[in-house]
Every structure is written in structure tokens, then in C-alpha cells.
């Protein structure tokens, strides 16, 4: 892990990469997040994302636009390496925020939204198995 500060990247079950956001990030934390995520993509390995957004409130518009720009910058790597994304979201506000980002820059791979981590992980495990990949461990 490059940065222990939020958000927490957990690659202990690689190629399943957990991203756990403890709250809305500051502008600096958001840039650090994007840099760390880019580092994972620069490995040039296939991965599956499990993104826990249950503790996040409304993301500032500047960060949403920056996210869209980042998606555009890393579009090729996202298409080639990310097998899918399981999003854990319980807030209608966050679902709306994610929908706004997806409107401008849809994900290039399968994704699904779940209310519970267990559901997200089960879906992720199925997608990894379909791709012929297994997780480092089944524990969490």
C-alpha cells in the first residue's frame, strides 16, 4: 500500500482490489487516491474492484469532474485491465453522484451496485471465476 491515509486500498486478495472510503475526501486526498489507483493500473495486471462508498456523502462537483478527466486519461488501461466493479452504496445521494459521473463517462466494463459487502464480494468472485482468476484468499 502506497498510502495508509484514506481511502484505504486493500490488495490482500489480489486481483480483487478493495477501496474503502471512510468519508468524502479532501481535494488533496482525492488527488492522492487517483495517483495510487493509477499506480495499480500501471502494474498492467487484470483486477476487479470492490468499492465501498457507504460512508461517503455528496462528492464536490470539482472532484466529480476530476474523476471524469481521470477516467478519460486512463481509459485504455481501465478497458484492458479492470474486469469489473462492485460498488457498495446505501445512500440515494451517492447513487445519484455515481450516476452523474457515469452519464459523462460510463465505465468500460461491467459494474453493479449492492447495499451489502457480502453481495458485492459474491458477485466479484463470480466475475473473477468467469475470467479464470482466483483471489489470494477468501477471508476478509
Protein backbone atom coordinates (compact mmCIF):
# COMPACT_ATOMS: atom_id res chain seq x y z
CA UNK A 1 0.00 0.00 0.00
CA UNK A 2 1.35 3.37 -1.01
CA UNK A 3 -0.71 5.50 1.36
CA UNK A 4 -2.32 4.38 4.61
CA UNK A 5 -4.44 7.55 4.76
CA UNK A 6 -7.98 7.39 3.39
CA UNK A 7 -9.12 5.94 1.16
CA UNK A 8 -7.75 2.57 2.13
CA UNK A 9 -6.57 0.37 -0.69
CA UNK A 10 -6.62 -3.30 0.26
CA UNK A 11 -4.92 -5.59 -2.24
CA UNK A 12 -4.55 -8.55 0.14
CA UNK A 13 -6.96 -10.57 -2.04
CA UNK A 14 -5.44 -9.60 -5.38
CA UNK A 15 -6.69 -9.50 -8.11
CA UNK A 16 -9.64 -8.23 -6.04
CA UNK A 17 -8.80 -4.67 -5.06
CA UNK A 18 -10.90 -3.24 -2.24
CA UNK A 19 -11.28 0.53 -1.99
CA UNK A 20 -12.86 1.65 1.28
CA UNK A 21 -13.74 5.32 1.55
CA UNK A 22 -14.23 6.43 5.17
CA UNK A 23 -15.81 9.79 4.18
CA UNK A 24 -15.77 12.43 1.46
CA UNK A 25 -12.14 13.10 0.63
CA UNK A 26 -10.42 16.46 0.72
CA UNK A 27 -9.09 17.73 -2.62
CA UNK A 28 -5.56 16.60 -1.67
CA UNK A 29 -6.75 13.16 -0.54
CA UNK A 30 -8.69 12.79 -3.78
CA UNK A 31 -5.58 13.52 -5.86
CA UNK A 32 -3.60 11.05 -3.74
CA UNK A 33 -6.33 8.46 -4.32
CA UNK A 34 -6.16 9.00 -8.09
CA UNK A 35 -2.38 8.69 -8.04
CA UNK A 36 -2.44 5.47 -6.02
CA UNK A 37 -5.15 4.00 -8.23
CA UNK A 38 -3.07 4.91 -11.29
CA UNK A 39 -0.12 3.06 -9.74
CA UNK A 40 -2.24 -0.10 -9.56
CA UNK A 41 -3.18 0.30 -13.22
CA UNK A 42 0.47 0.78 -14.17
CA UNK A 43 1.13 -2.77 -12.95
CA UNK A 44 -0.57 -3.86 -16.18
CA UNK A 45 -2.37 -6.71 -14.39
CA UNK A 46 -6.03 -7.68 -14.56
CA UNK A 47 -8.03 -6.73 -11.48
CA UNK A 48 -11.54 -6.45 -10.13
CA UNK A 49 -12.69 -3.52 -7.99
CA UNK A 50 -14.85 -3.71 -4.89
CA UNK A 51 -15.55 -0.10 -3.90
CA UNK A 52 -17.16 0.62 -0.53
CA UNK A 53 -18.87 4.03 -0.57
CA UNK A 54 -21.22 3.51 2.37
CA UNK A 55 -19.62 6.27 4.48
CA UNK A 56 -19.29 8.86 1.75
CA UNK A 57 -21.54 11.90 1.45
CA UNK A 58 -22.05 14.11 -1.58
CA UNK A 59 -18.80 14.44 -3.52
CA UNK A 60 -17.90 18.02 -4.50
CA UNK A 61 -18.55 18.85 -8.16
CA UNK A 62 -14.86 19.63 -8.72
CA UNK A 63 -13.95 16.09 -7.66
CA UNK A 64 -16.63 14.59 -9.88
CA UNK A 65 -15.26 16.49 -12.88
CA UNK A 66 -11.70 15.49 -11.94
CA UNK A 67 -12.86 11.87 -11.77
CA UNK A 68 -14.30 12.14 -15.29
CA UNK A 69 -10.99 13.60 -16.53
CA UNK A 70 -9.05 10.81 -14.82
CA UNK A 71 -11.30 8.17 -16.39
CA UNK A 72 -10.59 9.70 -19.78
CA UNK A 73 -6.84 9.77 -19.12
CA UNK A 74 -6.74 6.10 -18.07
CA UNK A 75 -9.49 4.86 -20.38
CA UNK A 76 -7.33 2.34 -22.25
CA UNK A 77 -5.91 0.79 -19.10
CA UNK A 78 -9.35 0.67 -17.46
CA UNK A 79 -10.75 -1.12 -20.51
CA UNK A 80 -7.92 -3.65 -20.67
CA UNK A 81 -7.28 -4.35 -17.01
CA UNK A 82 -10.37 -3.78 -14.88
CA UNK A 83 -12.64 -6.80 -15.25
CA UNK A 84 -15.50 -5.13 -13.39
CA UNK A 85 -16.54 -3.12 -10.37
CA UNK A 86 -18.81 -3.98 -7.46
CA UNK A 87 -19.97 -0.78 -5.76
CA UNK A 88 -21.29 -0.85 -2.20
CA UNK A 89 -23.65 2.09 -1.80
CA UNK A 90 -26.52 2.62 0.61
CA UNK A 91 -27.13 6.34 0.11
CA UNK A 92 -29.50 7.57 -2.61
CA UNK A 93 -27.39 10.76 -2.80
CA UNK A 94 -24.26 8.77 -3.63
CA UNK A 95 -26.15 6.69 -6.18
CA UNK A 96 -27.10 9.99 -7.83
CA UNK A 97 -23.49 11.21 -7.76
CA UNK A 98 -22.24 7.97 -9.32
CA UNK A 99 -24.98 8.19 -11.96
CA UNK A 100 -23.79 11.71 -12.83
CA UNK A 101 -20.22 10.50 -13.35
CA UNK A 102 -21.40 7.50 -15.40
CA UNK A 103 -23.52 9.79 -17.58
CA UNK A 104 -20.45 11.69 -18.73
CA UNK A 105 -18.03 8.77 -18.69
CA UNK A 106 -19.58 5.30 -18.48
CA UNK A 107 -17.38 2.54 -17.12
CA UNK A 108 -15.93 0.43 -19.92
CA UNK A 109 -16.57 -2.80 -18.03
CA UNK A 110 -19.36 -4.49 -16.05
CA UNK A 111 -20.43 -2.96 -12.76
CA UNK A 112 -23.19 -3.49 -10.25
CA UNK A 113 -24.35 -1.66 -7.15
CA UNK A 114 -25.02 -3.50 -3.90
CA UNK A 115 -26.17 -2.49 -0.42
CA UNK A 116 -24.13 -5.15 1.40
CA UNK A 117 -20.44 -6.06 1.11
CA UNK A 118 -21.25 -9.79 1.07
CA UNK A 119 -23.37 -9.36 -2.06
CA UNK A 120 -20.67 -7.29 -3.76
CA UNK A 121 -17.96 -9.81 -2.93
CA UNK A 122 -20.05 -12.75 -4.14
CA UNK A 123 -20.67 -11.00 -7.47
CA UNK A 124 -16.98 -10.09 -7.75
CA UNK A 125 -15.93 -13.68 -7.03
CA UNK A 126 -18.23 -14.94 -9.80
CA UNK A 127 -16.77 -12.44 -12.30
CA UNK A 128 -13.21 -13.38 -11.32
CA UNK A 129 -14.01 -17.07 -11.70
CA UNK A 130 -15.52 -16.43 -15.14
CA UNK A 131 -12.24 -14.72 -16.09
CA UNK A 132 -10.24 -17.69 -14.82
CA UNK A 133 -8.78 -15.79 -11.87
CA UNK A 134 -8.91 -16.56 -8.17
CA UNK A 135 -8.48 -14.35 -5.14
CA UNK A 136 -5.45 -14.61 -2.90
CA UNK A 137 -7.69 -15.71 -0.02
CA UNK A 138 -11.36 -15.91 0.77
CA UNK A 139 -11.04 -14.29 4.19
CA UNK A 140 -11.78 -10.62 4.75
